Amino acid sequence: QVQLVESGGGLVQVGGSLRLSCAASGRTFSSWDMAWFRQAPGKEREFVASIRYSGRSTDYTDSVKGRFTISRDNAKNMMYLQMNSLKLEDTGVYYCNKRAEPHWTWGQGTQVTVSS
């Protein structure tokens, strides 16, 4: 089982930037396609972005294309999400996990709040 710890969230104004980090324990991190998910208040968790195990291919939900960049460092068991031009609708708790189910146990997430 891999343990996941997200960090880097915070309060930012519309148009601002944040960089989220995901630290994964265990030796199998580099074998898995990984993803960022988010959950807005009162809504279900949704997919945001994914990256192949090699880091060579990425995918994004339409609403963040051109604004967010996902990356990973397999040597450090780390994944990142650079978020630029943040919008009010980007507010939520951000989680990292495997791209595909069954997911590992979810971490506590990191809160991103975008204010006007």
C-alpha atoms as a PDB file:
ATOM      1  CA  GLN A   1       0.000   0.000   0.000  1.00  0.00           C
ATOM      2  CA  VAL A   2       1.260   3.466  -0.881  1.00  0.00           C
ATOM      3  CA  GLN A   3       0.730   6.428   1.409  1.00  0.00           C
ATOM      4  CA  LEU A   4       0.005   9.791  -0.193  1.00  0.00           C
ATOM      5  CA  VAL A   5       0.565  13.242   1.280  1.00  0.00           C
ATOM      6  CA  GLU A   6      -0.586  16.331  -0.577  1.00  0.00           C
ATOM      7  CA  SER A   7       0.657  19.830   0.162  1.00  0.00           C
ATOM      8  CA  GLY A   8       0.987  23.305  -1.292  1.00  0.00           C
ATOM      9  CA  GLY A   9      -2.592  24.485  -1.181  1.00  0.00           C
ATOM     10  CA  GLY A  10      -3.685  27.834   0.134  1.00  0.00           C
ATOM     11  CA  LEU A  11      -5.706  30.984  -0.404  1.00  0.00           C
ATOM     12  CA  VAL A  12      -5.052  32.812  -3.653  1.00  0.00           C
ATOM     13  CA  GLN A  13      -6.779  35.503  -5.650  1.00  0.00           C
ATOM     14  CA  VAL A  14      -8.301  34.970  -9.068  1.00  0.00           C
ATOM     15  CA  GLY A  15      -5.518  34.888 -11.626  1.00  0.00           C
ATOM     16  CA  GLY A  16      -2.934  33.727  -9.127  1.00  0.00           C
ATOM     17  CA  SER A  17      -0.801  30.592  -9.062  1.00  0.00           C
ATOM     18  CA  LEU A  18      -0.109  27.683  -6.757  1.00  0.00           C
ATOM     19  CA  ARG A  19       2.080  24.607  -6.985  1.00  0.00           C
ATOM     20  CA  LEU A  20       0.781  21.458  -5.370  1.00  0.00           C
ATOM     21  CA  SER A  21       3.002  18.569  -4.348  1.00  0.00           C
ATOM     22  CA  CYS A  22       2.231  14.912  -3.782  1.00  0.00           C
ATOM     23  CA  ALA A  23       4.642  12.766  -1.802  1.00  0.00           C
ATOM     24  CA  ALA A  24       4.232   9.013  -2.168  1.00  0.00           C
ATOM     25  CA  SER A  25       5.759   6.358   0.039  1.00  0.00           C
ATOM     26  CA  GLY A  26       6.725   2.945  -1.250  1.00  0.00           C
ATOM     27  CA  ARG A  27       8.809   1.627  -4.082  1.00  0.00           C
ATOM     28  CA  THR A  28       6.047   1.179  -6.655  1.00  0.00           C
ATOM     29  CA  PHE A  29       5.249   4.842  -7.354  1.00  0.00           C
ATOM     30  CA  SER A  30       7.220   4.919 -10.590  1.00  0.00           C
ATOM     31  CA  SER A  31       5.249   1.971 -11.976  1.00  0.00           C
ATOM     32  CA  TRP A  32       1.904   3.707 -11.941  1.00  0.00           C
ATOM     33  CA  ASP A  33       0.098   6.308 -13.971  1.00  0.00           C
ATOM     34  CA  MET A  34      -0.809   9.016 -11.489  1.00  0.00           C
ATOM     35  CA  ALA A  35      -3.420  11.748 -11.328  1.00  0.00           C
ATOM     36  CA  TRP A  36      -4.722  14.757  -9.490  1.00  0.00           C
ATOM     37  CA  PHE A  37      -8.356  14.894  -8.473  1.00  0.00           C
ATOM     38  CA  ARG A  38     -10.342  17.618  -6.734  1.00  0.00           C
ATOM     39  CA  GLN A  39     -13.538  17.895  -4.768  1.00  0.00           C
ATOM     40  CA  ALA A  40     -15.461  21.137  -4.609  1.00  0.00           C
ATOM     41  CA  PRO A  41     -17.880  21.800  -1.748  1.00  0.00           C
ATOM     42  CA  GLY A  42     -21.063  19.807  -2.226  1.00  0.00           C
ATOM     43  CA  LYS A  43     -19.750  18.024  -5.300  1.00  0.00           C
ATOM     44  CA  GLU A  44     -18.229  14.663  -6.063  1.00  0.00           C
ATOM     45  CA  ARG A  45     -14.530  14.193  -6.545  1.00  0.00           C
ATOM     46  CA  GLU A  46     -13.482  14.790 -10.145  1.00  0.00           C
ATOM     47  CA  PHE A  47     -10.473  14.110 -12.332  1.00  0.00           C
ATOM     48  CA  VAL A  48      -8.159  17.047 -12.988  1.00  0.00           C
ATOM     49  CA  ALA A  49      -4.982  15.792 -14.656  1.00  0.00           C
ATOM     50  CA  SER A  50      -2.965  12.622 -15.155  1.00  0.00           C
ATOM     51  CA  ILE A  51       0.541  11.632 -16.089  1.00  0.00           C
ATOM     52  CA  ARG A  52       1.909   8.336 -17.372  1.00  0.00           C
ATOM     53  CA  TYR A  53       4.321   6.368 -15.197  1.00  0.00           C
ATOM     54  CA  SER A  54       7.170   7.497 -17.470  1.00  0.00           C
ATOM     55  CA  GLY A  55       6.153  11.133 -17.323  1.00  0.00           C
ATOM     56  CA  ARG A  56       6.059  11.281 -21.115  1.00  0.00           C
ATOM     57  CA  SER A  57       2.342  11.758 -21.560  1.00  0.00           C
ATOM     58  CA  THR A  58      -0.187  13.896 -19.764  1.00  0.00           C
ATOM     59  CA  ASP A  59      -3.915  14.472 -19.894  1.00  0.00           C
ATOM     60  CA  TYR A  60      -6.130  17.215 -18.519  1.00  0.00           C
ATOM     61  CA  THR A  61      -9.778  17.860 -17.990  1.00  0.00           C
ATOM     62  CA  ASP A  62     -10.956  20.525 -20.416  1.00  0.00           C
ATOM     63  CA  SER A  63     -11.499  23.202 -17.799  1.00  0.00           C
ATOM     64  CA  VAL A  64      -7.813  23.313 -16.790  1.00  0.00           C
ATOM     65  CA  LYS A  65      -6.108  22.815 -20.153  1.00  0.00           C
ATOM     66  CA  GLY A  66      -3.582  25.540 -20.808  1.00  0.00           C
ATOM     67  CA  ARG A  67      -3.575  26.629 -17.155  1.00  0.00           C
ATOM     68  CA  PHE A  68      -2.403  23.589 -15.182  1.00  0.00           C
ATOM     69  CA  THR A  69       0.715  21.477 -15.697  1.00  0.00           C
ATOM     70  CA  ILE A  70       1.231  18.070 -14.136  1.00  0.00           C
ATOM     71  CA  SER A  71       4.704  16.634 -13.648  1.00  0.00           C
ATOM     72  CA  ARG A  72       6.487  13.967 -11.631  1.00  0.00           C
ATOM     73  CA  ASP A  73       9.911  13.065 -10.314  1.00  0.00           C
ATOM     74  CA  ASN A  74      10.092   9.302  -9.947  1.00  0.00           C
ATOM     75  CA  ALA A  75      13.498   9.456  -8.291  1.00  0.00           C
ATOM     76  CA  LYS A  76      11.931  11.422  -5.441  1.00  0.00           C
ATOM     77  CA  ASN A  77       8.516   9.707  -5.460  1.00  0.00           C
ATOM     78  CA  MET A  78       6.949  13.088  -6.061  1.00  0.00           C
ATOM     79  CA  MET A  79       4.247  14.493  -8.310  1.00  0.00           C
ATOM     80  CA  TYR A  80       3.346  18.123  -8.855  1.00  0.00           C
ATOM     81  CA  LEU A  81       0.565  20.287 -10.190  1.00  0.00           C
ATOM     82  CA  GLN A  82       1.431  23.800 -11.292  1.00  0.00           C
ATOM     83  CA  MET A  83      -1.750  25.829 -11.366  1.00  0.00           C
ATOM     84  CA  ASN A  84      -1.781  29.195 -13.113  1.00  0.00           C
ATOM     85  CA  SER A  85      -4.546  31.672 -13.938  1.00  0.00           C
ATOM     86  CA  LEU A  86      -6.645  30.257 -11.154  1.00  0.00           C
ATOM     87  CA  LYS A  87     -10.396  30.721 -11.284  1.00  0.00           C
ATOM     88  CA  LEU A  88     -13.077  30.704  -8.605  1.00  0.00           C
ATOM     89  CA  GLU A  89     -14.255  27.327  -9.851  1.00  0.00           C
ATOM     90  CA  ASP A  90     -10.846  25.802  -9.112  1.00  0.00           C
ATOM     91  CA  THR A  91     -11.640  25.991  -5.391  1.00  0.00           C
ATOM     92  CA  GLY A  92     -11.682  22.626  -3.684  1.00  0.00           C
ATOM     93  CA  VAL A  93      -9.659  19.967  -1.959  1.00  0.00           C
ATOM     94  CA  TYR A  94      -7.020  18.483  -4.241  1.00  0.00           C
ATOM     95  CA  TYR A  95      -5.941  14.856  -3.983  1.00  0.00           C
ATOM     96  CA  CYS A  96      -3.377  12.707  -5.723  1.00  0.00           C
ATOM     97  CA  ASN A  97      -3.757   9.003  -6.436  1.00  0.00           C
ATOM     98  CA  LYS A  98      -3.352   6.361  -9.097  1.00  0.00           C
ATOM     99  CA  ARG A  99      -5.117   7.284 -12.322  1.00  0.00           C
ATOM    100  CA  ALA A 100      -7.073   4.049 -12.463  1.00  0.00           C
ATOM    101  CA  GLU A 101      -9.139   2.218  -9.905  1.00  0.00           C
ATOM    102  CA  PRO A 102      -8.787   0.614  -7.488  1.00  0.00           C
ATOM    103  CA  HIS A 103      -7.260   3.684  -5.914  1.00  0.00           C
ATOM    104  CA  TRP A 104      -4.871   3.624  -3.014  1.00  0.00           C
ATOM    105  CA  THR A 105      -6.128   4.960   0.284  1.00  0.00           C
ATOM    106  CA  TRP A 106      -6.812   8.663  -0.185  1.00  0.00           C
ATOM    107  CA  GLY A 107      -4.645  11.183   1.612  1.00  0.00           C
ATOM    108  CA  GLN A 108      -5.992  14.176   3.488  1.00  0.00           C
ATOM    109  CA  GLY A 109      -5.787  16.373   0.434  1.00  0.00           C
ATOM    110  CA  THR A 110      -4.752  19.999   0.249  1.00  0.00           C
ATOM    111  CA  GLN A 111      -7.247  22.868   0.237  1.00  0.00           C
ATOM    112  CA  VAL A 112      -7.156  25.369  -2.600  1.00  0.00           C
ATOM    113  CA  THR A 113      -9.310  28.445  -2.181  1.00  0.00           C
ATOM    114  CA  VAL A 114      -9.538  31.012  -4.951  1.00  0.00           C
ATOM    115  CA  SER A 115     -11.049  34.337  -3.966  1.00  0.00           C
ATOM    116  CA  SER A 116     -12.230  37.301  -6.015  1.00  0.00           C
END
